[in-house]
Amino acid sequence: MLEDLIKERLKKKDAREKLGLNVYPARVKRSHLVAHVVKEFSALSKKKTKVWLTGRLLGLRIQGGVAFADLMDGSGGKIQIVLGRQNVPNYQPQMEIRINAI
């Protein structure tokens, strides 16, 4: 049973690597916690503050040329992110579908 789980996880890792994704990034940048961004959203938006968030993506939903996902980071907050051609250069919905299906 454990062997099957390990094989499945390695299969998923290999599939992500084939898509050109770095499955073990050396560093990530985070400027804020999700809970802080949710609480201070109006002020951050008014100042047009750039934020970098990290966390776990949950509930990926793809609808046409746009993808929605919830991001949680353990700070007690949850935020919905939107991916589309307007805010992500070279956005390809097919890529998210493949990642989600892996």
Protein backbone atom coordinates (compact mmCIF):
# COMPACT_ATOMS: atom_id res chain seq x y z
CA MET A 1 0.00 0.00 0.00
CA LEU A 2 2.77 2.46 0.88
CA GLU A 3 4.66 1.40 -2.24
CA ASP A 4 1.61 2.21 -4.38
CA LEU A 5 1.32 5.64 -2.77
CA ILE A 6 5.00 6.38 -3.40
CA LYS A 7 4.72 5.25 -7.03
CA GLU A 8 1.66 7.45 -7.57
CA ARG A 9 3.36 10.51 -6.07
CA LEU A 10 6.47 9.96 -8.19
CA LYS A 11 4.26 9.64 -11.27
CA LYS A 12 2.62 13.00 -10.45
CA LYS A 13 6.03 14.61 -9.83
CA ASP A 14 7.36 13.35 -13.17
CA ALA A 15 4.27 14.62 -15.01
CA ARG A 16 4.69 18.10 -13.52
CA GLU A 17 8.37 18.13 -14.43
CA LYS A 18 7.46 17.22 -18.03
CA LEU A 19 5.28 20.35 -18.08
CA GLY A 20 8.37 22.35 -17.17
CA LEU A 21 7.36 23.00 -13.58
CA ASN A 22 9.93 23.13 -10.80
CA VAL A 23 8.46 20.78 -8.21
CA TYR A 24 11.07 21.71 -5.57
CA PRO A 25 11.69 25.45 -5.89
CA ALA A 26 14.71 26.64 -3.92
CA ARG A 27 13.03 29.85 -2.81
CA VAL A 28 9.65 31.46 -2.83
CA LYS A 29 8.81 35.08 -2.18
CA ARG A 30 6.08 36.04 0.27
CA SER A 31 5.32 39.60 1.31
CA HIS A 32 2.06 39.07 3.20
CA LEU A 33 -0.07 36.40 4.86
CA VAL A 34 -3.44 35.64 3.26
CA ALA A 35 -5.34 36.68 6.42
CA HIS A 36 -3.61 40.09 6.34
CA VAL A 37 -4.43 40.63 2.65
CA VAL A 38 -8.09 39.74 3.23
CA LYS A 39 -8.32 42.05 6.25
CA GLU A 40 -6.50 44.97 4.60
CA PHE A 41 -7.71 44.43 1.03
CA SER A 42 -9.26 47.90 0.59
CA ALA A 43 -6.15 49.72 1.79
CA LEU A 44 -3.79 47.53 -0.23
CA SER A 45 -5.95 47.99 -3.35
CA LYS A 46 -6.18 51.75 -2.91
CA LYS A 47 -2.37 51.98 -2.68
CA LYS A 48 -2.01 49.46 -5.54
CA THR A 49 0.33 47.45 -3.33
CA LYS A 50 1.87 44.39 -4.96
CA VAL A 51 1.62 41.30 -2.79
CA TRP A 52 3.28 37.90 -3.07
CA LEU A 53 1.39 35.06 -1.42
CA THR A 54 2.32 31.45 -0.85
CA GLY A 55 0.14 28.59 0.28
CA ARG A 56 -1.90 25.65 -0.79
CA LEU A 57 -4.18 25.86 -3.81
CA LEU A 58 -7.56 24.29 -3.22
CA GLY A 59 -10.59 23.85 -5.42
CA LEU A 60 -9.17 24.64 -8.85
CA ARG A 61 -12.08 25.45 -11.17
CA ILE A 62 -11.61 26.12 -14.87
CA GLN A 63 -14.37 27.89 -16.77
CA GLY A 64 -13.59 28.73 -20.36
CA GLY A 65 -10.54 30.98 -20.56
CA VAL A 66 -10.41 31.65 -16.82
CA ALA A 67 -9.36 29.54 -13.84
CA PHE A 68 -10.36 30.13 -10.21
CA ALA A 69 -8.69 28.66 -7.13
CA ASP A 70 -8.72 29.20 -3.38
CA LEU A 71 -5.39 29.89 -1.67
CA MET A 72 -4.83 29.13 2.03
CA ASP A 73 -1.57 29.57 3.91
CA GLY A 74 -2.32 28.52 7.49
CA SER A 75 -2.82 32.12 8.71
CA GLY A 76 -6.57 31.57 9.00
CA GLY A 77 -7.40 33.35 5.77
CA LYS A 78 -8.60 32.12 2.41
CA ILE A 79 -8.53 34.11 -0.81
CA GLN A 80 -9.80 33.35 -4.30
CA ILE A 81 -7.34 33.88 -7.12
CA VAL A 82 -8.27 34.32 -10.76
CA LEU A 83 -5.99 33.28 -13.61
CA GLY A 84 -6.68 34.47 -17.11
CA ARG A 85 -5.12 36.08 -20.14
CA GLN A 86 -5.59 39.58 -18.69
CA ASN A 87 -3.47 38.98 -15.60
CA VAL A 88 -1.17 36.07 -16.56
CA PRO A 89 0.97 36.39 -19.70
CA ASN A 90 0.92 33.27 -21.88
CA TYR A 91 -2.01 31.82 -19.87
CA GLN A 92 -3.09 28.45 -21.21
CA PRO A 93 -6.13 26.83 -19.54
CA GLN A 94 -5.03 23.43 -20.89
CA MET A 95 -1.95 23.55 -18.68
CA GLU A 96 -4.05 23.93 -15.53
CA ILE A 97 -6.34 21.10 -16.65
CA ARG A 98 -3.35 18.79 -17.06
CA ILE A 99 -1.93 19.79 -13.68
CA ASN A 100 -5.29 19.29 -11.98
CA ALA A 101 -5.75 15.87 -13.59
CA ILE A 102 -2.33 14.58 -12.53
